[in-house]
């Protein structure tokens, strides 16, 4: 019922920047939180950044000061601005939306993932 489409991934050199976007569609009544997760080969998925409907943000320690999450609830879109990228940021990045459907049931939806590769 809620579909997320991600874009913005790619290959970038260390120190470079990328901006990821994720747009949601479907019968969304409200958004409680939006976030970005990543998973590198052989590693567990980890939360990179999240923002709640109240505006609170949370970041993985290793990306603080380099990444910025922002969202637009009216456009049902979340962004991740990634600056000063490092090779260890290489991973598949997934967006996540949580909230309520117009049927008043809760949802927890994930994007398809977008590859970010940081390499010289």
Protein backbone atom coordinates (compact mmCIF):
# COMPACT_ATOMS: atom_id res chain seq x y z
CA UNK A 1 0.00 0.00 0.00
CA UNK A 2 3.01 2.30 0.48
CA UNK A 3 5.76 2.24 -2.11
CA UNK A 4 9.10 4.01 -1.80
CA UNK A 5 11.33 4.88 -4.74
CA UNK A 6 14.94 5.87 -4.12
CA UNK A 7 17.37 7.75 -6.31
CA UNK A 8 20.70 9.55 -6.14
CA UNK A 9 23.17 6.77 -5.52
CA UNK A 10 26.29 6.26 -7.55
CA UNK A 11 30.07 6.24 -7.61
CA UNK A 12 31.93 9.10 -5.96
CA UNK A 13 35.53 9.78 -4.92
CA UNK A 14 36.52 10.09 -1.26
CA UNK A 15 35.67 13.56 -0.01
CA UNK A 16 32.87 13.94 -2.50
CA UNK A 17 29.15 14.41 -1.98
CA UNK A 18 25.90 12.75 -2.94
CA UNK A 19 22.27 13.46 -2.18
CA UNK A 20 19.83 10.59 -1.87
CA UNK A 21 16.11 11.06 -2.35
CA UNK A 22 13.18 8.82 -1.49
CA UNK A 23 9.60 9.51 -2.51
CA UNK A 24 6.61 7.69 -1.08
CA UNK A 25 3.29 6.98 -2.70
CA UNK A 26 0.13 5.27 -1.56
CA UNK A 27 -2.67 5.72 0.93
CA UNK A 28 -0.65 7.57 3.56
CA UNK A 29 -2.54 9.42 6.25
CA UNK A 30 0.45 10.53 8.28
CA UNK A 31 4.19 10.04 8.64
CA UNK A 32 5.63 9.32 12.06
CA UNK A 33 9.26 8.98 11.06
CA UNK A 34 11.51 8.82 8.02
CA UNK A 35 14.96 7.33 7.95
CA UNK A 36 17.90 5.97 6.04
CA UNK A 37 19.60 2.66 6.69
CA UNK A 38 22.57 1.06 5.00
CA UNK A 39 24.00 -2.40 4.61
CA UNK A 40 27.51 -3.24 3.46
CA UNK A 41 28.47 -6.71 2.21
CA UNK A 42 28.83 -9.12 5.09
CA UNK A 43 27.59 -6.59 7.64
CA UNK A 44 24.31 -5.99 9.42
CA UNK A 45 21.92 -3.26 8.40
CA UNK A 46 22.44 -0.11 10.45
CA UNK A 47 20.51 3.09 10.99
CA UNK A 48 22.29 6.01 9.36
CA UNK A 49 19.89 8.85 10.09
CA UNK A 50 16.27 9.38 11.05
CA UNK A 51 13.88 12.26 11.54
CA UNK A 52 10.56 12.17 13.38
CA UNK A 53 7.39 14.10 12.70
CA UNK A 54 8.33 16.33 15.63
CA UNK A 55 11.59 17.27 13.96
CA UNK A 56 13.96 15.29 16.14
CA UNK A 57 16.94 13.78 14.33
CA UNK A 58 19.23 10.89 15.12
CA UNK A 59 22.50 10.02 13.40
CA UNK A 60 24.96 7.18 13.38
CA UNK A 61 28.04 8.43 15.24
CA UNK A 62 30.34 7.87 12.28
CA UNK A 63 28.30 10.16 10.00
CA UNK A 64 27.63 13.02 12.41
CA UNK A 65 28.78 16.31 10.95
CA UNK A 66 28.96 14.84 7.45
CA UNK A 67 25.41 13.68 6.68
CA UNK A 68 22.17 15.62 6.99
CA UNK A 69 18.68 14.15 6.85
CA UNK A 70 15.71 16.26 5.87
CA UNK A 71 12.14 15.54 4.97
CA UNK A 72 9.06 17.08 3.47
CA UNK A 73 5.90 15.44 4.77
CA UNK A 74 3.70 17.26 2.28
CA UNK A 75 5.76 15.91 -0.61
CA UNK A 76 6.23 12.59 1.19
CA UNK A 77 9.92 12.74 0.46
CA UNK A 78 13.05 12.25 2.55
CA UNK A 79 16.58 13.28 1.61
CA UNK A 80 20.04 12.38 2.79
CA UNK A 81 22.79 14.86 1.99
CA UNK A 82 26.13 13.08 2.26
CA UNK A 83 29.31 15.16 2.35
CA UNK A 84 32.96 14.28 2.94
CA UNK A 85 32.26 10.72 1.89
CA UNK A 86 34.63 7.98 2.95
CA UNK A 87 35.23 4.50 1.51
CA UNK A 88 33.61 3.01 4.61
CA UNK A 89 30.36 4.71 3.62
CA UNK A 90 30.10 2.28 0.70
CA UNK A 91 26.86 0.32 1.08
CA UNK A 92 23.36 -0.14 -0.21
CA UNK A 93 21.21 2.59 1.29
CA UNK A 94 17.55 1.99 2.09
CA UNK A 95 14.92 4.55 3.00
CA UNK A 96 12.17 3.83 5.51
CA UNK A 97 8.83 5.46 6.25
CA UNK A 98 6.64 4.73 9.26
CA UNK A 99 3.21 6.09 9.99
CA UNK A 100 -0.49 5.50 9.49
CA UNK A 101 -2.47 4.62 6.40
CA UNK A 102 -5.73 6.30 5.50
CA UNK A 103 -7.36 3.13 6.78
CA UNK A 104 -5.79 4.08 10.15
CA UNK A 105 -3.56 1.03 10.18
CA UNK A 106 0.14 1.47 10.83
CA UNK A 107 2.70 0.96 8.07
CA UNK A 108 6.43 0.35 7.95
CA UNK A 109 7.73 0.52 4.38
CA UNK A 110 11.15 0.20 2.77
CA UNK A 111 12.67 1.36 -0.47
CA UNK A 112 14.37 -0.93 -2.95
CA UNK A 113 17.86 0.27 -2.04
CA UNK A 114 20.37 2.40 -3.91
CA UNK A 115 24.08 1.64 -4.19
CA UNK A 116 26.59 4.18 -2.92
CA UNK A 117 30.21 3.45 -3.75
CA UNK A 118 33.04 5.65 -2.48
CA UNK A 119 36.31 4.80 -4.17
CA UNK A 120 39.35 6.44 -5.70
